Amino acid sequence: MIPQLKLLPDGRYYEELHARLTAARRRVYVSMFLFSPRWYDKTVNLLADFTAASERGLQCRIVLSAAPIKIGRRRPNQETAQRLLNAGWQVRVMTGNRTLHEKLILIDYETVIFGSHNLAWSSISSNCELSVCVDDEDLAQQAEALFWQRWKLASDPDPNTWELVTPLALPFVP
């Protein structure tokens, strides 16, 4: 079967991701540098989409970067981790001397979305971003193998060790 590819510049990423999350039937795996739970556009609520996937009984796992990211006074990955744990997601955190910087989403057994988009408002409002959505079972198997490598390296979130002294200060975009 010929892979189906779709370029997702800027806000089209979120439209596609919303549609794919809504249609997902089996699983959602995510490996992400930044997932900010706070959005300033009422038309985009990805945290609700991710929560709904878990509520529908899908297998939902995420690996988040433990990089010391700070937006304003918030620590977005920590807040997202807690919200997703509360929604039934399995959450792991990549710590150590290497920063998890990838942006990878696997949906069911054939969809892979990857590129430059973080799950953050700045990816719509102030950055020029480009990601790709590929429907291909072979690529999905390769991406799943990579996801499991990250999952095994990551650990359960621990608020006592996740709070770092020198967070990366990112601009606050209201």
N, C-alpha and C. Protein backbone atom coordinates (compact mmCIF):
# COMPACT_ATOMS: atom_id res chain seq x y z
N MET A 1 0.84 -1.19 0.00
CA MET A 1 0.00 0.00 0.00
C MET A 1 0.88 1.25 0.00
N ILE A 2 0.52 2.23 -0.76
CA ILE A 2 1.28 3.47 -0.87
C ILE A 2 0.97 4.35 0.34
N PRO A 3 2.02 4.82 1.04
CA PRO A 3 1.79 5.71 2.19
C PRO A 3 1.07 6.98 1.77
N GLN A 4 0.19 7.43 2.63
CA GLN A 4 -0.52 8.70 2.41
C GLN A 4 0.15 9.75 3.28
N LEU A 5 0.65 10.82 2.63
CA LEU A 5 1.36 11.88 3.34
C LEU A 5 0.59 13.18 3.23
N LYS A 6 0.65 13.95 4.32
CA LYS A 6 -0.01 15.25 4.33
C LYS A 6 0.89 16.23 5.07
N LEU A 7 1.26 17.34 4.40
CA LEU A 7 2.01 18.40 5.06
C LEU A 7 1.07 19.20 5.95
N LEU A 8 1.55 19.54 7.14
CA LEU A 8 0.73 20.25 8.12
C LEU A 8 1.45 21.51 8.57
N PRO A 9 1.34 22.59 7.80
CA PRO A 9 1.97 23.84 8.24
C PRO A 9 1.12 24.54 9.29
N ASP A 10 1.80 25.14 10.25
CA ASP A 10 1.18 26.04 11.22
C ASP A 10 -0.08 25.44 11.84
N GLY A 11 -1.21 26.16 11.80
CA GLY A 11 -2.44 25.74 12.46
C GLY A 11 -3.12 24.53 11.84
N ARG A 12 -2.77 24.15 10.62
CA ARG A 12 -3.38 22.95 10.02
C ARG A 12 -3.00 21.69 10.80
N TYR A 13 -1.86 21.74 11.48
CA TYR A 13 -1.45 20.63 12.34
C TYR A 13 -2.53 20.33 13.37
N TYR A 14 -3.02 21.37 14.03
CA TYR A 14 -3.99 21.17 15.10
C TYR A 14 -5.34 20.73 14.57
N GLU A 15 -5.72 21.22 13.40
CA GLU A 15 -6.97 20.75 12.78
C GLU A 15 -6.88 19.25 12.49
N GLU A 16 -5.76 18.84 11.92
CA GLU A 16 -5.56 17.42 11.59
C GLU A 16 -5.47 16.57 12.85
N LEU A 17 -4.71 17.03 13.82
CA LEU A 17 -4.56 16.27 15.06
C LEU A 17 -5.90 16.13 15.77
N HIS A 18 -6.69 17.18 15.82
CA HIS A 18 -8.03 17.11 16.42
C HIS A 18 -8.87 16.05 15.72
N ALA A 19 -8.87 16.07 14.39
CA ALA A 19 -9.67 15.10 13.64
C ALA A 19 -9.18 13.67 13.88
N ARG A 20 -7.87 13.49 13.91
CA ARG A 20 -7.31 12.14 14.11
C ARG A 20 -7.57 11.64 15.53
N LEU A 21 -7.43 12.50 16.52
CA LEU A 21 -7.70 12.09 17.90
C LEU A 21 -9.18 11.74 18.08
N THR A 22 -10.05 12.51 17.46
CA THR A 22 -11.48 12.26 17.56
C THR A 22 -11.86 10.92 16.92
N ALA A 23 -11.17 10.56 15.84
CA ALA A 23 -11.48 9.33 15.11
C ALA A 23 -10.72 8.11 15.64
N ALA A 24 -9.74 8.31 16.51
CA ALA A 24 -8.92 7.20 17.01
C ALA A 24 -9.80 6.14 17.68
N ARG A 25 -9.44 4.86 17.46
CA ARG A 25 -10.23 3.77 18.01
C ARG A 25 -9.49 2.83 18.93
N ARG A 26 -8.13 2.85 18.89
CA ARG A 26 -7.41 1.86 19.68
C ARG A 26 -6.38 2.45 20.63
N ARG A 27 -5.54 3.36 20.10
CA ARG A 27 -4.47 3.85 20.96
C ARG A 27 -3.95 5.19 20.48
N VAL A 28 -3.30 5.89 21.43
CA VAL A 28 -2.59 7.14 21.15
C VAL A 28 -1.31 7.10 21.97
N TYR A 29 -0.16 7.16 21.28
CA TYR A 29 1.14 7.23 21.94
C TYR A 29 1.78 8.55 21.54
N VAL A 30 2.37 9.23 22.51
CA VAL A 30 2.95 10.55 22.26
C VAL A 30 4.33 10.62 22.91
N SER A 31 5.27 11.22 22.20
CA SER A 31 6.58 11.55 22.74
C SER A 31 6.80 13.02 22.40
N MET A 32 6.88 13.89 23.43
CA MET A 32 6.76 15.33 23.16
C MET A 32 7.67 16.15 24.07
N PHE A 33 8.33 17.12 23.46
CA PHE A 33 9.17 18.06 24.21
C PHE A 33 8.33 18.97 25.09
N LEU A 34 7.30 19.57 24.51
CA LEU A 34 6.48 20.55 25.25
C LEU A 34 5.01 20.32 24.96
N PHE A 35 4.22 20.16 26.03
CA PHE A 35 2.77 20.07 25.92
C PHE A 35 2.20 21.03 26.95
N SER A 36 1.78 22.19 26.48
CA SER A 36 1.21 23.19 27.37
C SER A 36 -0.30 23.01 27.44
N PRO A 37 -0.85 22.82 28.64
CA PRO A 37 -2.29 22.58 28.75
C PRO A 37 -3.13 23.84 28.60
N ARG A 38 -2.50 24.99 28.56
CA ARG A 38 -3.25 26.25 28.51
C ARG A 38 -3.27 26.81 27.10
N TRP A 39 -4.47 27.00 26.59
CA TRP A 39 -4.67 27.52 25.24
C TRP A 39 -5.46 28.81 25.33
N TYR A 40 -5.23 29.68 24.39
CA TYR A 40 -5.90 30.98 24.41
C TYR A 40 -6.78 31.15 23.18
N ASP A 41 -7.22 30.06 22.63
CA ASP A 41 -8.10 30.05 21.48
C ASP A 41 -9.19 29.03 21.79
N LYS A 42 -10.42 29.48 21.83
CA LYS A 42 -11.53 28.60 22.21
C LYS A 42 -11.78 27.50 21.19
N THR A 43 -11.27 27.65 19.96
CA THR A 43 -11.50 26.64 18.93
C THR A 43 -10.52 25.47 19.03
N VAL A 44 -9.46 25.61 19.82
CA VAL A 44 -8.45 24.56 19.94
C VAL A 44 -8.36 24.15 21.40
N ASN A 45 -8.67 22.90 21.69
CA ASN A 45 -8.51 22.40 23.06
C ASN A 45 -7.98 20.98 22.97
N LEU A 46 -6.70 20.87 22.68
CA LEU A 46 -6.11 19.55 22.51
C LEU A 46 -6.09 18.75 23.80
N LEU A 47 -5.95 19.40 24.93
CA LEU A 47 -5.97 18.64 26.18
C LEU A 47 -7.31 17.91 26.32
N ALA A 48 -8.39 18.56 25.94
CA ALA A 48 -9.71 17.91 25.96
C ALA A 48 -9.75 16.73 24.99
N ASP A 49 -9.14 16.90 23.81
CA ASP A 49 -9.09 15.80 22.83
C ASP A 49 -8.31 14.61 23.37
N PHE A 50 -7.17 14.89 24.01
CA PHE A 50 -6.36 13.81 24.59
C PHE A 50 -7.10 13.14 25.75
N THR A 51 -7.76 13.93 26.58
CA THR A 51 -8.54 13.39 27.69
C THR A 51 -9.68 12.51 27.17
N ALA A 52 -10.37 12.98 26.15
CA ALA A 52 -11.49 12.22 25.57
C ALA A 52 -11.04 10.88 25.03
N ALA A 53 -9.84 10.82 24.46
CA ALA A 53 -9.33 9.55 23.93
C ALA A 53 -9.23 8.52 25.06
N SER A 54 -8.72 8.93 26.19
CA SER A 54 -8.62 8.03 27.33
C SER A 54 -10.01 7.64 27.85
N GLU A 55 -10.91 8.60 27.90
CA GLU A 55 -12.26 8.34 28.38
C GLU A 55 -13.02 7.37 27.47
N ARG A 56 -12.64 7.32 26.19
CA ARG A 56 -13.26 6.37 25.26
C ARG A 56 -12.66 4.97 25.39
N GLY A 57 -11.69 4.80 26.28
CA GLY A 57 -11.11 3.49 26.52
C GLY A 57 -9.89 3.16 25.67
N LEU A 58 -9.34 4.15 24.98
CA LEU A 58 -8.15 3.91 24.19
C LEU A 58 -6.94 3.72 25.10
N GLN A 59 -5.95 2.98 24.62
CA GLN A 59 -4.69 2.88 25.34
C GLN A 59 -3.92 4.17 25.07
N CYS A 60 -3.63 4.93 26.12
CA CYS A 60 -3.02 6.25 25.97
C CYS A 60 -1.75 6.34 26.82
N ARG A 61 -0.64 6.65 26.14
CA ARG A 61 0.66 6.78 26.81
C ARG A 61 1.36 8.01 26.28
N ILE A 62 2.09 8.68 27.17
CA ILE A 62 2.86 9.84 26.76
C ILE A 62 4.20 9.86 27.49
N VAL A 63 5.25 10.23 26.75
CA VAL A 63 6.56 10.52 27.32
C VAL A 63 6.78 12.01 27.13
N LEU A 64 7.01 12.70 28.23
CA LEU A 64 7.27 14.15 28.19
C LEU A 64 8.71 14.44 28.58
N SER A 65 9.21 15.52 28.05
CA SER A 65 10.54 15.97 28.42
C SER A 65 10.52 16.52 29.84
N ALA A 66 11.58 16.22 30.59
CA ALA A 66 11.74 16.81 31.91
C ALA A 66 12.61 18.06 31.84
N ALA A 67 12.86 18.54 30.63
CA ALA A 67 13.63 19.78 30.49
C ALA A 67 12.96 20.87 31.31
N PRO A 68 13.74 21.73 31.90
CA PRO A 68 13.19 22.76 32.79
C PRO A 68 12.51 23.89 32.01
N ILE A 69 11.35 23.59 31.48
CA ILE A 69 10.61 24.56 30.67
C ILE A 69 9.69 25.38 31.58
N LYS A 70 9.69 26.67 31.37
CA LYS A 70 8.83 27.55 32.15
C LYS A 70 8.21 28.57 31.20
N ILE A 71 6.88 28.72 31.28
CA ILE A 71 6.17 29.73 30.50
C ILE A 71 5.48 30.64 31.51
N GLY A 72 5.93 31.89 31.58
CA GLY A 72 5.45 32.74 32.66
C GLY A 72 5.88 32.11 33.98
N ARG A 73 4.93 31.85 34.86
CA ARG A 73 5.24 31.16 36.12
C ARG A 73 4.86 29.69 36.09
N ARG A 74 4.34 29.23 34.98
CA ARG A 74 3.86 27.87 34.88
C ARG A 74 4.94 26.92 34.37
N ARG A 75 4.80 25.68 34.76
CA ARG A 75 5.65 24.60 34.26
C ARG A 75 4.72 23.66 33.49
N PRO A 76 4.59 23.90 32.19
CA PRO A 76 3.53 23.26 31.41
C PRO A 76 3.58 21.74 31.37
N ASN A 77 4.75 21.14 31.21
CA ASN A 77 4.78 19.68 31.13
C ASN A 77 4.35 19.04 32.44
N GLN A 78 4.71 19.64 33.55
CA GLN A 78 4.30 19.09 34.84
C GLN A 78 2.78 19.18 35.00
N GLU A 79 2.22 20.31 34.62
CA GLU A 79 0.76 20.48 34.72
C GLU A 79 0.04 19.50 33.79
N THR A 80 0.54 19.37 32.57
CA THR A 80 -0.07 18.44 31.62
C THR A 80 0.03 17.01 32.12
N ALA A 81 1.19 16.62 32.64
CA ALA A 81 1.37 15.27 33.16
C ALA A 81 0.32 14.96 34.22
N GLN A 82 0.10 15.89 35.13
CA GLN A 82 -0.87 15.65 36.19
C GLN A 82 -2.28 15.54 35.63
N ARG A 83 -2.62 16.41 34.70
CA ARG A 83 -3.96 16.35 34.12
C ARG A 83 -4.19 15.06 33.34
N LEU A 84 -3.17 14.62 32.59
CA LEU A 84 -3.33 13.38 31.83
C LEU A 84 -3.37 12.17 32.76
N LEU A 85 -2.56 12.16 33.80
CA LEU A 85 -2.64 11.08 34.80
C LEU A 85 -4.05 11.01 35.38
N ASN A 86 -4.60 12.15 35.72
CA ASN A 86 -5.96 12.20 36.28
C ASN A 86 -7.00 11.69 35.28
N ALA A 87 -6.71 11.81 33.99
CA ALA A 87 -7.64 11.37 32.94
C ALA A 87 -7.42 9.91 32.55
N GLY A 88 -6.46 9.24 33.19
CA GLY A 88 -6.25 7.82 32.91
C GLY A 88 -5.11 7.51 31.96
N TRP A 89 -4.33 8.50 31.58
CA TRP A 89 -3.17 8.26 30.73
C TRP A 89 -2.05 7.63 31.54
N GLN A 90 -1.21 6.87 30.88
CA GLN A 90 0.06 6.42 31.46
C GLN A 90 1.09 7.46 31.05
N VAL A 91 1.79 8.01 32.03
CA VAL A 91 2.71 9.12 31.78
C VAL A 91 4.11 8.75 32.27
N ARG A 92 5.10 9.03 31.44
CA ARG A 92 6.49 8.86 31.82
C ARG A 92 7.23 10.16 31.47
N VAL A 93 8.38 10.35 32.13
CA VAL A 93 9.16 11.58 31.96
C VAL A 93 10.59 11.20 31.60
N MET A 94 11.12 11.84 30.57
CA MET A 94 12.50 11.60 30.15
C MET A 94 13.41 12.54 30.92
N THR A 95 14.20 11.97 31.81
CA THR A 95 15.16 12.74 32.60
C THR A 95 16.56 12.34 32.16
N GLY A 96 17.54 12.79 32.87
CA GLY A 96 18.90 12.39 32.56
C GLY A 96 19.65 13.47 31.80
N ASN A 97 20.74 13.06 31.16
CA ASN A 97 21.60 14.04 30.52
C ASN A 97 21.26 14.29 29.05
N ARG A 98 20.20 13.67 28.53
CA ARG A 98 19.75 13.95 27.17
C ARG A 98 18.34 14.51 27.23
N THR A 99 18.09 15.54 26.42
CA THR A 99 16.78 16.17 26.39
C THR A 99 15.91 15.50 25.33
N LEU A 100 14.73 15.07 25.72
CA LEU A 100 13.75 14.58 24.76
C LEU A 100 13.23 15.80 24.01
N HIS A 101 13.54 15.91 22.75
CA HIS A 101 13.15 17.08 21.98
C HIS A 101 12.23 16.73 20.82
N GLU A 102 11.93 15.46 20.63
CA GLU A 102 11.09 15.06 19.50
C GLU A 102 9.64 15.42 19.73
N LYS A 103 8.92 15.42 18.63
CA LYS A 103 7.49 15.69 18.62
C LYS A 103 6.86 14.59 17.78
N LEU A 104 6.41 13.52 18.43
CA LEU A 104 5.95 12.32 17.75
C LEU A 104 4.60 11.89 18.32
N ILE A 105 3.65 11.63 17.42
CA ILE A 105 2.34 11.14 17.84
C ILE A 105 1.97 9.95 16.97
N LEU A 106 1.58 8.85 17.63
CA LEU A 106 1.14 7.64 16.94
C LEU A 106 -0.33 7.43 17.27
N ILE A 107 -1.12 7.24 16.25
CA ILE A 107 -2.55 7.02 16.46
C ILE A 107 -2.95 5.72 15.79
N ASP A 108 -3.58 4.85 16.58
CA ASP A 108 -3.93 3.50 16.16
C ASP A 108 -2.68 2.80 15.65
N TYR A 109 -2.76 2.05 14.58
CA TYR A 109 -1.60 1.29 14.12
C TYR A 109 -1.10 1.73 12.75
N GLU A 110 -1.55 2.91 12.31
CA GLU A 110 -1.12 3.32 10.98
C GLU A 110 -0.79 4.80 10.84
N THR A 111 -1.14 5.64 11.79
CA THR A 111 -0.93 7.08 11.64
C THR A 111 0.25 7.55 12.48
N VAL A 112 1.17 8.27 11.83
CA VAL A 112 2.33 8.86 12.50
C VAL A 112 2.34 10.35 12.17
N ILE A 113 2.40 11.17 13.20
CA ILE A 113 2.49 12.62 13.01
C ILE A 113 3.78 13.07 13.68
N PHE A 114 4.63 13.75 12.93
CA PHE A 114 5.90 14.21 13.48
C PHE A 114 6.35 15.47 12.75
N GLY A 115 7.19 16.24 13.41
CA GLY A 115 7.71 17.46 12.80
C GLY A 115 8.16 18.44 13.86
N SER A 116 7.94 19.71 13.61
CA SER A 116 8.46 20.74 14.51
C SER A 116 7.46 21.22 15.55
N HIS A 117 6.19 20.87 15.42
CA HIS A 117 5.17 21.38 16.35
C HIS A 117 5.28 20.79 17.75
N ASN A 118 5.40 21.66 18.73
CA ASN A 118 5.12 21.28 20.11
C ASN A 118 3.61 21.41 20.29
N LEU A 119 3.10 20.86 21.36
CA LEU A 119 1.69 21.02 21.68
C LEU A 119 1.55 22.25 22.57
N ALA A 120 1.70 23.41 21.93
CA ALA A 120 1.71 24.67 22.65
C ALA A 120 1.13 25.76 21.78
N TRP A 121 0.55 26.74 22.41
CA TRP A 121 -0.10 27.85 21.72
C TRP A 121 0.87 28.58 20.78
N SER A 122 2.12 28.68 21.17
CA SER A 122 3.10 29.39 20.34
C SER A 122 3.28 28.74 18.98
N SER A 123 2.98 27.45 18.87
CA SER A 123 3.09 26.78 17.58
C SER A 123 2.03 27.25 16.59
N ILE A 124 0.98 27.88 17.09
CA ILE A 124 -0.03 28.48 16.22
C ILE A 124 0.17 29.98 16.13
N SER A 125 0.46 30.61 17.26
CA SER A 125 0.39 32.07 17.34
C SER A 125 1.65 32.80 16.91
N SER A 126 2.83 32.22 17.13
CA SER A 126 4.02 33.01 16.86
C SER A 126 5.13 32.28 16.11
N ASN A 127 5.00 30.99 15.91
CA ASN A 127 6.06 30.25 15.22
C ASN A 127 5.60 29.82 13.83
N CYS A 128 6.54 29.69 12.93
CA CYS A 128 6.29 29.03 11.65
C CYS A 128 6.70 27.58 11.85
N GLU A 129 5.74 26.68 11.77
CA GLU A 129 5.98 25.27 12.06
C GLU A 129 5.59 24.42 10.86
N LEU A 130 6.18 23.23 10.78
CA LEU A 130 5.82 22.29 9.73
C LEU A 130 5.96 20.88 10.27
N SER A 131 4.91 20.12 10.13
CA SER A 131 4.91 18.71 10.51
C SER A 131 4.31 17.90 9.38
N VAL A 132 4.38 16.59 9.51
CA VAL A 132 3.89 15.67 8.49
C VAL A 132 3.00 14.63 9.15
N CYS A 133 1.90 14.31 8.50
CA CYS A 133 1.05 13.21 8.92
C CYS A 133 1.18 12.12 7.85
N VAL A 134 1.54 10.91 8.30
CA VAL A 134 1.74 9.81 7.38
C VAL A 134 0.86 8.65 7.81
N ASP A 135 0.08 8.14 6.89
CA ASP A 135 -0.69 6.91 7.12
C ASP A 135 0.05 5.78 6.44
N ASP A 136 0.75 4.98 7.25
CA ASP A 136 1.53 3.87 6.71
C ASP A 136 1.86 2.92 7.85
N GLU A 137 1.45 1.67 7.72
CA GLU A 137 1.66 0.70 8.79
C GLU A 137 3.14 0.42 9.03
N ASP A 138 3.95 0.36 7.99
CA ASP A 138 5.39 0.10 8.17
C ASP A 138 6.06 1.23 8.95
N LEU A 139 5.79 2.48 8.56
CA LEU A 139 6.36 3.61 9.29
C LEU A 139 5.85 3.63 10.73
N ALA A 140 4.57 3.30 10.91
CA ALA A 140 4.01 3.28 12.26
C ALA A 140 4.72 2.24 13.13
N GLN A 141 5.09 1.10 12.56
CA GLN A 141 5.84 0.08 13.32
C GLN A 141 7.21 0.60 13.72
N GLN A 142 7.89 1.30 12.80
CA GLN A 142 9.20 1.86 13.12
C GLN A 142 9.08 2.93 14.21
N ALA A 143 8.06 3.79 14.08
CA ALA A 143 7.85 4.85 15.07
C ALA A 143 7.47 4.25 16.42
N GLU A 144 6.70 3.17 16.41
CA GLU A 144 6.34 2.52 17.67
C GLU A 144 7.58 1.95 18.36
N ALA A 145 8.49 1.36 17.60
CA ALA A 145 9.72 0.84 18.18
C ALA A 145 10.51 1.97 18.84
N LEU A 146 10.58 3.11 18.20
CA LEU A 146 11.26 4.27 18.77
C LEU A 146 10.54 4.74 20.04
N PHE A 147 9.21 4.79 19.97
CA PHE A 147 8.44 5.19 21.15
C PHE A 147 8.76 4.28 22.33
N TRP A 148 8.81 2.96 22.13
CA TRP A 148 9.07 2.04 23.23
C TRP A 148 10.49 2.20 23.76
N GLN A 149 11.45 2.57 22.90
CA GLN A 149 12.79 2.87 23.39
C GLN A 149 12.74 4.04 24.37
N ARG A 150 12.02 5.10 23.97
CA ARG A 150 11.89 6.27 24.84
C ARG A 150 11.17 5.89 26.14
N TRP A 151 10.10 5.13 26.02
CA TRP A 151 9.29 4.73 27.18
C TRP A 151 10.16 4.00 28.20
N LYS A 152 11.01 3.10 27.72
CA LYS A 152 11.87 2.33 28.63
C LYS A 152 12.92 3.20 29.30
N LEU A 153 13.39 4.23 28.61
CA LEU A 153 14.38 5.14 29.20
C LEU A 153 13.76 6.11 30.20
N ALA A 154 12.48 6.37 30.03
CA ALA A 154 11.79 7.36 30.86
C ALA A 154 11.37 6.73 32.19
N SER A 155 10.92 7.58 33.11
CA SER A 155 10.49 7.10 34.41
C SER A 155 9.16 7.75 34.78
N ASP A 156 8.55 7.22 35.82
CA ASP A 156 7.31 7.81 36.30
C ASP A 156 7.58 9.23 36.78
N PRO A 157 6.62 10.14 36.58
CA PRO A 157 6.84 11.52 37.03
C PRO A 157 6.95 11.59 38.54
N ASP A 158 7.94 12.32 39.00
CA ASP A 158 8.17 12.52 40.43
C ASP A 158 8.30 14.02 40.67
N PRO A 159 7.29 14.65 41.28
CA PRO A 159 7.35 16.09 41.46
C PRO A 159 8.53 16.56 42.30
N ASN A 160 9.10 15.67 43.11
CA ASN A 160 10.24 16.06 43.93
C ASN A 160 11.53 16.20 43.13
N THR A 161 11.64 15.47 42.03
CA THR A 161 12.86 15.56 41.23
C THR A 161 12.65 16.33 39.94
N TRP A 162 11.40 16.60 39.57
CA TRP A 162 11.13 17.27 38.31
C TRP A 162 11.32 18.77 38.42
N GLU A 163 11.11 19.31 39.57
CA GLU A 163 11.25 20.77 39.77
C GLU A 163 12.72 21.13 39.70
N LEU A 164 13.11 21.80 38.64
CA LEU A 164 14.51 22.13 38.44
C LEU A 164 14.77 23.60 38.74
N VAL A 165 15.99 23.89 39.07
CA VAL A 165 16.35 25.23 39.55
C VAL A 165 16.36 26.28 38.45
N THR A 166 16.84 25.95 37.28
CA THR A 166 16.98 26.96 36.23
C THR A 166 16.11 26.61 35.02
N PRO A 167 14.83 26.95 35.07
CA PRO A 167 13.95 26.63 33.94
C PRO A 167 14.30 27.46 32.70
N LEU A 168 13.99 26.89 31.55
CA LEU A 168 14.12 27.64 30.31
C LEU A 168 13.00 28.67 30.30
N ALA A 169 13.31 29.92 30.27
CA ALA A 169 12.29 30.95 30.30
C ALA A 169 11.79 31.21 28.88
N LEU A 170 10.57 30.80 28.61
CA LEU A 170 9.95 31.06 27.32
C LEU A 170 9.00 32.22 27.45
N PRO A 171 8.81 33.00 26.40
CA PRO A 171 7.93 34.17 26.53
C PRO A 171 6.50 33.74 26.77
N PHE A 172 5.83 34.47 27.60
CA PHE A 172 4.42 34.22 27.89
C PHE A 172 3.60 34.91 26.81
N VAL A 173 2.76 34.14 26.11
CA VAL A 173 1.92 34.69 25.04
C VAL A 173 0.47 34.61 25.49
N PRO A 174 -0.15 35.74 25.83
CA PRO A 174 -1.55 35.67 26.29
C PRO A 174 -2.51 35.38 25.15
